[in-house]
Amino acid sequence: MSELNKHGPDTIRVLTVDDHEMVRQGMDFLFLPYEDIEVVGAAHDGQEALRLCEELNPDVILMDMIMPGMDGVAATQAVRQQYPQVQVLALTSFYDEDLVRRAMQAGAIGYLLKGVPIVELAQAIRAAHAGRPTLAVEAMQALVKATQPGPKLGDDLSRREREVLVLLVEGLSNDEIAEQMVISPATVKSHVRHIYAKLLVANRAEAAAIAVKNNLVPT
């Protein structure tokens, strides 16, 4: 460790968890200029991370997500359950919406991609230690997308398809719908086929039931 490190009570103790040895070794040198951050140890997988948590009492863990054995998501959850005072920052090469969600659900306070400038990583460590989240732009977008409601069933019906659906629910046949709407039976048949596909049904009875249940037609 550098002589610059104060090792005082305000020093943030960091544990790195990564299955790549070069990454583990490199972290020591990356943080040498920072007097308030000390890398106290490194683990090659989740199981070792749990053991070192007990032994080294870190404040913040830089947790890789994709590792053999106990991966980062499982390790994050275990750390947060067993050592709730320890904050976990996901630090990974992989960006995947599902992985972001699972990491955050497991208790990670932040999600960063490897290659982030060391200045930003240091800021994220300080923020995590203070209980403030830090998210890469990609991770933020994934979480925002996850909270947005998906389209409702039937939202993609066209105006014409909705008109056909109303008459279908009333029990009219294709020929009767064609006559009332002044269009050809073939056009009605095409509309009905599209309605089935969009409502995920196989017949008129199912289409009518779904339409009524989801308020797609006036009642």
Protein backbone atom coordinates (compact mmCIF):
# COMPACT_ATOMS: atom_id res chain seq x y z
CA MET A 1 0.00 0.00 0.00
CA SER A 2 1.06 3.57 -0.66
CA GLU A 3 2.44 5.77 2.05
CA LEU A 4 -0.19 8.27 0.98
CA ASN A 5 -2.88 6.14 2.60
CA LYS A 6 -3.71 7.44 6.04
CA HIS A 7 -5.24 4.19 7.35
CA GLY A 8 -7.26 6.44 9.65
CA PRO A 9 -10.81 6.03 10.89
CA ASP A 10 -12.18 7.89 7.86
CA THR A 11 -10.48 5.63 5.32
CA ILE A 12 -12.94 3.66 3.20
CA ARG A 13 -12.00 -0.01 3.25
CA VAL A 14 -12.59 -1.64 -0.15
CA LEU A 15 -12.71 -5.32 -1.06
CA THR A 16 -12.49 -6.25 -4.75
CA VAL A 17 -14.17 -9.41 -6.06
CA ASP A 18 -13.23 -10.56 -9.54
CA ASP A 19 -12.23 -13.86 -11.11
CA HIS A 20 -9.51 -12.18 -13.20
CA GLU A 21 -6.23 -11.92 -11.32
CA MET A 22 -5.02 -8.88 -13.27
CA VAL A 23 -8.12 -6.95 -12.23
CA ARG A 24 -7.64 -7.88 -8.58
CA GLN A 25 -3.99 -6.88 -8.61
CA GLY A 26 -4.60 -3.69 -10.57
CA MET A 27 -7.02 -2.23 -8.06
CA ASP A 28 -4.26 -1.79 -5.48
CA PHE A 29 -2.35 0.49 -7.80
CA LEU A 30 -5.36 2.37 -9.14
CA PHE A 31 -6.25 3.69 -5.71
CA LEU A 32 -2.73 4.55 -4.51
CA PRO A 33 -3.25 8.29 -5.08
CA TYR A 34 -6.40 8.32 -2.94
CA GLU A 35 -5.75 8.90 0.74
CA ASP A 36 -9.33 8.10 1.75
CA ILE A 37 -9.65 4.75 -0.08
CA GLU A 38 -7.74 1.62 0.89
CA VAL A 39 -8.01 -1.73 -0.92
CA VAL A 40 -7.85 -4.17 1.98
CA GLY A 41 -8.21 -7.40 0.04
CA ALA A 42 -9.31 -9.24 -3.10
CA ALA A 43 -11.45 -12.31 -3.69
CA HIS A 44 -11.71 -14.49 -6.78
CA ASP A 45 -15.35 -15.50 -6.28
CA GLY A 46 -18.40 -14.96 -4.12
CA GLN A 47 -17.56 -17.59 -1.55
CA GLU A 48 -14.16 -16.08 -0.87
CA ALA A 49 -15.76 -12.65 -0.70
CA LEU A 50 -18.01 -13.80 2.14
CA ARG A 51 -15.04 -15.23 4.02
CA LEU A 52 -13.04 -12.03 3.59
CA CYS A 53 -15.97 -9.90 4.72
CA GLU A 54 -15.74 -11.60 8.10
CA GLU A 55 -11.98 -11.30 8.19
CA LEU A 56 -11.37 -7.83 6.75
CA ASN A 57 -14.54 -5.90 7.60
CA PRO A 58 -14.69 -3.84 4.38
CA ASP A 59 -16.94 -0.81 3.93
CA VAL A 60 -17.51 -1.23 0.20
CA ILE A 61 -17.19 -4.21 -2.14
CA LEU A 62 -16.46 -3.85 -5.85
CA MET A 63 -18.31 -6.92 -7.11
CA ASP A 64 -17.90 -8.50 -10.52
CA MET A 65 -21.18 -10.01 -11.69
CA ILE A 66 -20.10 -12.88 -13.93
CA MET A 67 -17.92 -15.36 -12.02
CA PRO A 68 -17.72 -19.15 -11.75
CA GLY A 69 -19.19 -20.70 -8.65
CA MET A 70 -21.11 -18.14 -6.65
CA ASP A 71 -21.70 -15.31 -9.10
CA GLY A 72 -21.95 -11.63 -8.28
CA VAL A 73 -25.72 -11.52 -7.89
CA ALA A 74 -25.78 -14.40 -5.41
CA ALA A 75 -22.75 -13.02 -3.58
CA THR A 76 -24.30 -9.56 -3.36
CA GLN A 77 -27.46 -10.98 -1.84
CA ALA A 78 -25.47 -13.07 0.65
CA VAL A 79 -23.28 -10.12 1.65
CA ARG A 80 -26.25 -7.82 2.18
CA GLN A 81 -28.00 -10.47 4.29
CA GLN A 82 -25.01 -11.39 6.42
CA TYR A 83 -23.17 -8.05 6.51
CA PRO A 84 -25.82 -5.34 5.97
CA GLN A 85 -23.32 -2.61 6.90
CA VAL A 86 -21.26 -3.45 3.79
CA GLN A 87 -22.26 -1.69 0.57
CA VAL A 88 -21.85 -3.49 -2.76
CA LEU A 89 -20.99 -1.78 -6.04
CA ALA A 90 -21.50 -3.96 -9.10
CA LEU A 91 -18.48 -3.49 -11.39
CA THR A 92 -18.70 -5.60 -14.51
CA SER A 93 -17.87 -5.77 -18.19
CA PHE A 94 -21.36 -6.99 -19.01
CA TYR A 95 -24.36 -4.79 -19.58
CA ASP A 96 -27.61 -6.68 -19.62
CA GLU A 97 -30.99 -5.31 -18.54
CA ASP A 98 -31.90 -8.45 -16.64
CA LEU A 99 -28.50 -8.53 -14.93
CA VAL A 100 -28.87 -4.91 -13.85
CA ARG A 101 -32.29 -5.59 -12.35
CA ARG A 102 -31.12 -8.73 -10.56
CA ALA A 103 -28.05 -6.98 -9.15
CA MET A 104 -30.11 -4.11 -7.78
CA GLN A 105 -32.76 -6.47 -6.40
CA ALA A 106 -29.98 -8.41 -4.66
CA GLY A 107 -28.99 -5.24 -2.83
CA ALA A 108 -26.25 -3.59 -4.88
CA ILE A 109 -26.16 0.16 -4.29
CA GLY A 110 -24.70 0.87 -7.70
CA TYR A 111 -23.89 -0.63 -11.08
CA LEU A 112 -20.85 0.47 -13.08
CA LEU A 113 -19.13 -0.85 -16.17
CA LYS A 114 -15.45 -1.73 -16.12
CA GLY A 115 -13.45 0.92 -17.88
CA VAL A 116 -15.11 3.70 -15.92
CA PRO A 117 -12.53 6.43 -15.18
CA ILE A 118 -10.82 5.87 -11.83
CA VAL A 119 -11.96 9.32 -10.68
CA GLU A 120 -15.58 8.31 -11.22
CA LEU A 121 -15.02 4.95 -9.56
CA ALA A 122 -13.54 6.67 -6.52
CA GLN A 123 -16.54 8.99 -6.39
CA ALA A 124 -18.88 5.99 -6.62
CA ILE A 125 -17.06 4.30 -3.72
CA ARG A 126 -17.43 7.41 -1.60
CA ALA A 127 -21.09 7.68 -2.53
CA ALA A 128 -21.71 4.02 -1.72
CA HIS A 129 -20.02 4.42 1.63
CA ALA A 130 -22.38 7.34 2.31
CA GLY A 131 -25.38 5.27 1.23
CA ARG A 132 -25.91 7.03 -2.11
CA PRO A 133 -26.41 5.02 -5.32
CA THR A 134 -24.33 5.43 -8.45
CA LEU A 135 -25.51 3.97 -11.74
CA ALA A 136 -23.97 3.83 -15.17
CA VAL A 137 -26.16 5.48 -17.80
CA GLU A 138 -26.95 2.06 -19.27
CA ALA A 139 -28.01 0.72 -15.88
CA MET A 140 -30.21 3.74 -15.23
CA GLN A 141 -31.93 3.26 -18.58
CA ALA A 142 -32.55 -0.42 -17.80
CA LEU A 143 -34.16 0.40 -14.45
CA VAL A 144 -36.31 3.15 -15.94
CA LYS A 145 -37.46 0.77 -18.66
CA ALA A 146 -38.29 -1.87 -16.06
CA THR A 147 -40.59 0.53 -14.19
CA GLN A 148 -42.48 1.64 -17.27
CA PRO A 149 -45.74 -0.25 -17.83
CA GLY A 150 -45.88 -2.30 -20.97
CA PRO A 151 -48.59 -1.81 -23.59
CA LYS A 152 -52.04 -3.04 -22.64
CA LEU A 153 -53.68 -5.87 -24.52
CA GLY A 154 -55.51 -4.38 -27.46
CA ASP A 155 -53.62 -1.08 -27.52
CA ASP A 156 -52.30 -1.95 -30.97
CA LEU A 157 -55.74 -2.43 -32.52
CA SER A 158 -56.39 -0.03 -35.37
CA ARG A 159 -59.52 2.14 -35.46
CA ARG A 160 -61.03 -0.10 -38.13
CA GLU A 161 -60.22 -3.24 -36.17
CA ARG A 162 -61.93 -1.78 -33.12
CA GLU A 163 -65.04 -1.10 -35.18
CA VAL A 164 -65.05 -4.69 -36.40
CA LEU A 165 -64.49 -5.93 -32.84
CA VAL A 166 -67.53 -4.03 -31.58
CA LEU A 167 -69.75 -5.73 -34.15
CA LEU A 168 -68.09 -9.08 -33.52
CA VAL A 169 -68.92 -8.78 -29.82
CA GLU A 170 -72.52 -8.02 -30.78
CA GLY A 171 -72.60 -11.40 -32.48
CA LEU A 172 -72.61 -10.34 -36.13
CA SER A 173 -71.14 -12.66 -38.75
CA ASN A 174 -68.41 -11.55 -41.16
CA ASP A 175 -71.00 -11.02 -43.91
CA GLU A 176 -73.21 -8.96 -41.60
CA ILE A 177 -70.23 -6.88 -40.46
CA ALA A 178 -69.24 -6.32 -44.10
CA GLU A 179 -72.75 -5.18 -44.97
CA GLN A 180 -72.99 -2.80 -42.02
CA MET A 181 -69.53 -1.31 -42.55
CA VAL A 182 -69.90 -1.26 -46.33
CA ILE A 183 -66.70 -3.20 -46.93
CA SER A 184 -66.01 -6.57 -48.50
CA PRO A 185 -66.27 -9.84 -46.56
CA ALA A 186 -62.61 -10.49 -47.44
CA THR A 187 -61.61 -7.23 -45.74
CA VAL A 188 -63.63 -8.16 -42.67
CA LYS A 189 -61.97 -11.57 -42.60
CA SER A 190 -58.55 -9.87 -42.70
CA HIS A 191 -59.51 -7.53 -39.85
CA VAL A 192 -60.77 -10.45 -37.78
CA ARG A 193 -57.54 -12.37 -38.36
CA HIS A 194 -55.52 -9.36 -37.16
CA ILE A 195 -57.79 -9.01 -34.11
CA TYR A 196 -57.18 -12.65 -33.17
CA ALA A 197 -53.41 -12.17 -33.44
CA LYS A 198 -53.35 -8.97 -31.41
CA LEU A 199 -55.64 -10.29 -28.67
CA LEU A 200 -53.87 -13.68 -28.60
CA VAL A 201 -57.08 -15.62 -29.17
CA ALA A 202 -58.16 -18.37 -31.55
CA ASN A 203 -61.86 -17.74 -32.19
CA ARG A 204 -64.73 -15.24 -32.03
CA ALA A 205 -65.92 -16.32 -28.60
CA GLU A 206 -62.47 -15.79 -27.07
CA ALA A 207 -62.11 -12.46 -28.84
CA ALA A 208 -65.47 -11.27 -27.51
CA ALA A 209 -64.66 -12.40 -23.97
CA ILE A 210 -61.26 -10.70 -23.97
CA ALA A 211 -62.74 -7.52 -25.47
CA VAL A 212 -65.36 -7.26 -22.73
CA LYS A 213 -62.97 -8.19 -19.93
CA ASN A 214 -60.42 -5.56 -20.99
CA ASN A 215 -62.98 -2.84 -21.78
CA LEU A 216 -62.01 -2.75 -25.42
CA VAL A 217 -65.62 -2.21 -26.50
CA PRO A 218 -68.47 -0.08 -25.07
CA THR A 219 -70.56 -1.94 -22.52
